[in-house]
Amino acid sequence: MKGLWTPAWIARHVVAVVLVVGFCGLGWWQFTRAAGGNALSWGYTFEWPVFAGFVAFLWVREVQHERRRSAPAGDTAPAPPDSPGTGQPGVVSVRRPVRVPVAPVAPDDGDDADLAEYNDYLAWLAAHPGARPTDYPGPARRN
């Protein structure tokens, strides 16, 4: 809970409250205009509170996310090693089988010049991490 009172979080709280109050105020203003005979304002009367609700939803979700992220590791009991759980109550993870190819998709005969040139290009880029692709000297100009 202490992490929610940093300067950045205080600014987020203030922005959320200002937006919710402002959107509700704009909804009330549109209601008074709609009651005065402006038919278009009826749509905005309901739109602004929806915006306020959306801001409140995002704020609550971010606060919950921050509280879960900053919770000490001792708050949750670890799952037993033989259970497939994730450590969160009510959540069961299902492990999917990993498919490993038995044979290569395309056999490498070694006589594909374009593939060899491309692999040479990739090797050159890996050897020169700060270089741009346009710096590649090419197979004919390479030392």
C-alpha atoms as a PDB file:
ATOM      1  CA  MET A   1       0.000   0.000   0.000  1.00  0.00           C
ATOM      2  CA  LYS A   2       2.961   2.280   0.611  1.00  0.00           C
ATOM      3  CA  GLY A   3       3.830   2.201  -3.093  1.00  0.00           C
ATOM      4  CA  LEU A   4       0.553   3.937  -3.962  1.00  0.00           C
ATOM      5  CA  TRP A   5       1.652   7.157  -2.247  1.00  0.00           C
ATOM      6  CA  THR A   6       4.674   7.997  -4.338  1.00  0.00           C
ATOM      7  CA  PRO A   7       4.617  11.322  -6.210  1.00  0.00           C
ATOM      8  CA  ALA A   8       3.768   9.565  -9.478  1.00  0.00           C
ATOM      9  CA  TRP A   9       0.843   7.718  -7.899  1.00  0.00           C
ATOM     10  CA  ILE A  10      -0.415  10.840  -6.128  1.00  0.00           C
ATOM     11  CA  ALA A  11      -0.476  12.551  -9.525  1.00  0.00           C
ATOM     12  CA  ARG A  12      -2.415   9.594 -10.966  1.00  0.00           C
ATOM     13  CA  HIS A  13      -4.913   9.732  -8.106  1.00  0.00           C
ATOM     14  CA  VAL A  14      -5.417  13.470  -8.590  1.00  0.00           C
ATOM     15  CA  VAL A  15      -5.825  13.093 -12.361  1.00  0.00           C
ATOM     16  CA  ALA A  16      -8.352  10.278 -11.894  1.00  0.00           C
ATOM     17  CA  VAL A  17     -10.418  12.268  -9.386  1.00  0.00           C
ATOM     18  CA  VAL A  18     -10.311  15.428 -11.532  1.00  0.00           C
ATOM     19  CA  LEU A  19     -11.387  13.477 -14.628  1.00  0.00           C
ATOM     20  CA  VAL A  20     -14.233  11.660 -12.860  1.00  0.00           C
ATOM     21  CA  VAL A  21     -15.556  14.849 -11.268  1.00  0.00           C
ATOM     22  CA  GLY A  22     -15.097  16.777 -14.521  1.00  0.00           C
ATOM     23  CA  PHE A  23     -16.870  14.146 -16.620  1.00  0.00           C
ATOM     24  CA  CYS A  24     -19.754  13.955 -14.152  1.00  0.00           C
ATOM     25  CA  GLY A  25     -19.975  17.757 -14.206  1.00  0.00           C
ATOM     26  CA  LEU A  26     -20.061  17.747 -18.005  1.00  0.00           C
ATOM     27  CA  GLY A  27     -22.822  15.138 -17.854  1.00  0.00           C
ATOM     28  CA  TRP A  28     -24.828  17.351 -15.520  1.00  0.00           C
ATOM     29  CA  TRP A  29     -24.266  20.341 -17.809  1.00  0.00           C
ATOM     30  CA  GLN A  30     -25.530  18.333 -20.788  1.00  0.00           C
ATOM     31  CA  PHE A  31     -28.549  17.226 -18.756  1.00  0.00           C
ATOM     32  CA  THR A  32     -29.478  20.836 -18.013  1.00  0.00           C
ATOM     33  CA  ARG A  33     -29.135  21.658 -21.743  1.00  0.00           C
ATOM     34  CA  ALA A  34     -31.232  18.618 -22.697  1.00  0.00           C
ATOM     35  CA  ALA A  35     -33.909  19.579 -20.167  1.00  0.00           C
ATOM     36  CA  GLY A  36     -33.917  23.038 -21.784  1.00  0.00           C
ATOM     37  CA  GLY A  37     -34.903  21.582 -25.149  1.00  0.00           C
ATOM     38  CA  ASN A  38     -31.631  20.616 -26.851  1.00  0.00           C
ATOM     39  CA  ALA A  39     -32.360  17.080 -28.090  1.00  0.00           C
ATOM     40  CA  LEU A  40     -28.746  16.349 -29.061  1.00  0.00           C
ATOM     41  CA  SER A  41     -27.630  16.848 -25.471  1.00  0.00           C
ATOM     42  CA  TRP A  42     -29.531  13.750 -24.315  1.00  0.00           C
ATOM     43  CA  GLY A  43     -26.856  11.536 -25.862  1.00  0.00           C
ATOM     44  CA  TYR A  44     -24.062  13.471 -24.174  1.00  0.00           C
ATOM     45  CA  THR A  45     -25.971  13.324 -20.881  1.00  0.00           C
ATOM     46  CA  PHE A  46     -25.334   9.592 -20.799  1.00  0.00           C
ATOM     47  CA  GLU A  47     -21.976   9.634 -22.572  1.00  0.00           C
ATOM     48  CA  TRP A  48     -20.048  11.714 -20.030  1.00  0.00           C
ATOM     49  CA  PRO A  49     -20.891   9.485 -17.032  1.00  0.00           C
ATOM     50  CA  VAL A  50     -19.783   6.484 -19.102  1.00  0.00           C
ATOM     51  CA  PHE A  51     -16.438   8.217 -19.598  1.00  0.00           C
ATOM     52  CA  ALA A  52     -16.245   8.842 -15.845  1.00  0.00           C
ATOM     53  CA  GLY A  53     -16.988   5.188 -15.180  1.00  0.00           C
ATOM     54  CA  PHE A  54     -14.286   4.141 -17.618  1.00  0.00           C
ATOM     55  CA  VAL A  55     -11.701   6.330 -15.886  1.00  0.00           C
ATOM     56  CA  ALA A  56     -12.748   4.903 -12.510  1.00  0.00           C
ATOM     57  CA  PHE A  57     -12.498   1.363 -13.903  1.00  0.00           C
ATOM     58  CA  LEU A  58      -8.971   1.996 -15.240  1.00  0.00           C
ATOM     59  CA  TRP A  59      -7.878   3.622 -11.996  1.00  0.00           C
ATOM     60  CA  VAL A  60      -9.153   0.713  -9.868  1.00  0.00           C
ATOM     61  CA  ARG A  61      -7.557  -1.822 -12.222  1.00  0.00           C
ATOM     62  CA  GLU A  62      -4.175  -0.044 -12.124  1.00  0.00           C
ATOM     63  CA  VAL A  63      -4.280   0.211  -8.320  1.00  0.00           C
ATOM     64  CA  GLN A  64      -5.038  -3.518  -8.043  1.00  0.00           C
ATOM     65  CA  HIS A  65      -2.252  -4.321 -10.507  1.00  0.00           C
ATOM     66  CA  GLU A  66       0.243  -2.232  -8.528  1.00  0.00           C
ATOM     67  CA  ARG A  67      -0.807  -3.842  -5.235  1.00  0.00           C
ATOM     68  CA  ARG A  68      -0.392  -7.335  -6.701  1.00  0.00           C
ATOM     69  CA  ARG A  69       2.975  -6.427  -8.199  1.00  0.00           C
ATOM     70  CA  SER A  70       4.357  -4.933  -4.992  1.00  0.00           C
ATOM     71  CA  ALA A  71       3.034  -7.671  -2.681  1.00  0.00           C
ATOM     72  CA  PRO A  72       5.786  -9.471  -0.764  1.00  0.00           C
ATOM     73  CA  ALA A  73       6.638 -12.967  -1.962  1.00  0.00           C
ATOM     74  CA  GLY A  74       5.565 -14.490   1.367  1.00  0.00           C
ATOM     75  CA  ASP A  75       1.901 -13.512   0.907  1.00  0.00           C
ATOM     76  CA  THR A  76       1.113 -16.385  -1.448  1.00  0.00           C
ATOM     77  CA  ALA A  77       1.719 -20.016  -0.629  1.00  0.00           C
ATOM     78  CA  PRO A  78       3.785 -21.790  -3.259  1.00  0.00           C
ATOM     79  CA  ALA A  79       2.100 -24.607  -5.158  1.00  0.00           C
ATOM     80  CA  PRO A  80       3.250 -28.124  -4.423  1.00  0.00           C
ATOM     81  CA  PRO A  81       5.782 -29.336  -6.974  1.00  0.00           C
ATOM     82  CA  ASP A  82       3.523 -32.080  -8.348  1.00  0.00           C
ATOM     83  CA  SER A  83       0.460 -29.842  -8.883  1.00  0.00           C
ATOM     84  CA  PRO A  84       0.022 -27.926 -12.142  1.00  0.00           C
ATOM     85  CA  GLY A  85      -1.184 -24.764 -10.362  1.00  0.00           C
ATOM     86  CA  THR A  86       0.287 -21.302 -10.767  1.00  0.00           C
ATOM     87  CA  GLY A  87       0.354 -20.466  -7.065  1.00  0.00           C
ATOM     88  CA  GLN A  88      -2.839 -18.408  -7.309  1.00  0.00           C
ATOM     89  CA  PRO A  89      -5.956 -19.934  -5.747  1.00  0.00           C
ATOM     90  CA  GLY A  90      -8.560 -20.961  -8.282  1.00  0.00           C
ATOM     91  CA  VAL A  91      -6.151 -20.779 -11.240  1.00  0.00           C
ATOM     92  CA  VAL A  92      -5.071 -23.998 -12.865  1.00  0.00           C
ATOM     93  CA  SER A  93      -2.517 -23.921 -15.631  1.00  0.00           C
ATOM     94  CA  VAL A  94      -2.650 -26.548 -18.316  1.00  0.00           C
ATOM     95  CA  ARG A  95       0.650 -27.395 -19.908  1.00  0.00           C
ATOM     96  CA  ARG A  96       0.503 -27.760 -23.659  1.00  0.00           C
ATOM     97  CA  PRO A  97       2.762 -30.238 -25.352  1.00  0.00           C
ATOM     98  CA  VAL A  98       5.676 -28.733 -27.220  1.00  0.00           C
ATOM     99  CA  ARG A  99       5.911 -29.911 -30.788  1.00  0.00           C
ATOM    100  CA  VAL A 100       9.444 -30.613 -31.907  1.00  0.00           C
ATOM    101  CA  PRO A 101      10.053 -31.307 -35.578  1.00  0.00           C
ATOM    102  CA  VAL A 102      11.422 -34.777 -36.188  1.00  0.00           C
ATOM    103  CA  ALA A 103      13.029 -33.892 -39.504  1.00  0.00           C
ATOM    104  CA  PRO A 104      13.976 -30.486 -40.896  1.00  0.00           C
ATOM    105  CA  VAL A 105      11.276 -28.915 -43.037  1.00  0.00           C
ATOM    106  CA  ALA A 106      13.626 -28.202 -45.917  1.00  0.00           C
ATOM    107  CA  PRO A 107      16.817 -30.261 -46.087  1.00  0.00           C
ATOM    108  CA  ASP A 108      19.932 -28.138 -46.357  1.00  0.00           C
ATOM    109  CA  ASP A 109      21.884 -29.354 -49.365  1.00  0.00           C
ATOM    110  CA  GLY A 110      24.390 -26.542 -49.078  1.00  0.00           C
ATOM    111  CA  ASP A 111      24.085 -25.579 -52.747  1.00  0.00           C
ATOM    112  CA  ASP A 112      21.574 -22.745 -52.308  1.00  0.00           C
ATOM    113  CA  ALA A 113      23.608 -19.610 -53.097  1.00  0.00           C
ATOM    114  CA  ASP A 114      20.897 -17.186 -51.955  1.00  0.00           C
ATOM    115  CA  LEU A 115      20.564 -18.941 -48.610  1.00  0.00           C
ATOM    116  CA  ALA A 116      24.329 -18.983 -48.127  1.00  0.00           C
ATOM    117  CA  GLU A 117      24.543 -15.271 -48.964  1.00  0.00           C
ATOM    118  CA  TYR A 118      21.706 -14.469 -46.562  1.00  0.00           C
ATOM    119  CA  ASN A 119      23.342 -16.493 -43.778  1.00  0.00           C
ATOM    120  CA  ASP A 120      26.613 -14.675 -44.468  1.00  0.00           C
ATOM    121  CA  TYR A 121      24.747 -11.367 -44.198  1.00  0.00           C
ATOM    122  CA  LEU A 122      23.183 -12.404 -40.861  1.00  0.00           C
ATOM    123  CA  ALA A 123      26.558 -13.525 -39.544  1.00  0.00           C
ATOM    124  CA  TRP A 124      28.072 -10.185 -40.539  1.00  0.00           C
ATOM    125  CA  LEU A 125      25.258  -8.296 -38.743  1.00  0.00           C
ATOM    126  CA  ALA A 126      25.783 -10.420 -35.622  1.00  0.00           C
ATOM    127  CA  ALA A 127      29.518  -9.706 -35.707  1.00  0.00           C
ATOM    128  CA  HIS A 128      28.941  -5.944 -36.098  1.00  0.00           C
ATOM    129  CA  PRO A 129      26.167  -5.036 -33.615  1.00  0.00           C
ATOM    130  CA  GLY A 130      26.425  -1.271 -34.136  1.00  0.00           C
ATOM    131  CA  ALA A 131      26.308  -1.476 -37.925  1.00  0.00           C
ATOM    132  CA  ARG A 132      23.314  -0.672 -40.065  1.00  0.00           C
ATOM    133  CA  PRO A 133      22.100  -3.027 -42.799  1.00  0.00           C
ATOM    134  CA  THR A 134      23.296  -0.508 -45.406  1.00  0.00           C
ATOM    135  CA  ASP A 135      26.868  -0.872 -44.052  1.00  0.00           C
ATOM    136  CA  TYR A 136      27.028  -4.500 -45.211  1.00  0.00           C
ATOM    137  CA  PRO A 137      29.831  -4.734 -47.781  1.00  0.00           C
ATOM    138  CA  GLY A 138      28.272  -7.668 -49.639  1.00  0.00           C
ATOM    139  CA  PRO A 139      29.914 -11.000 -50.515  1.00  0.00           C
ATOM    140  CA  ALA A 140      31.950  -9.666 -53.452  1.00  0.00           C
ATOM    141  CA  ARG A 141      33.388  -6.653 -51.611  1.00  0.00           C
ATOM    142  CA  ARG A 142      34.062  -8.383 -48.306  1.00  0.00           C
ATOM    143  CA  ASN A 143      37.609  -8.784 -47.001  1.00  0.00           C
END
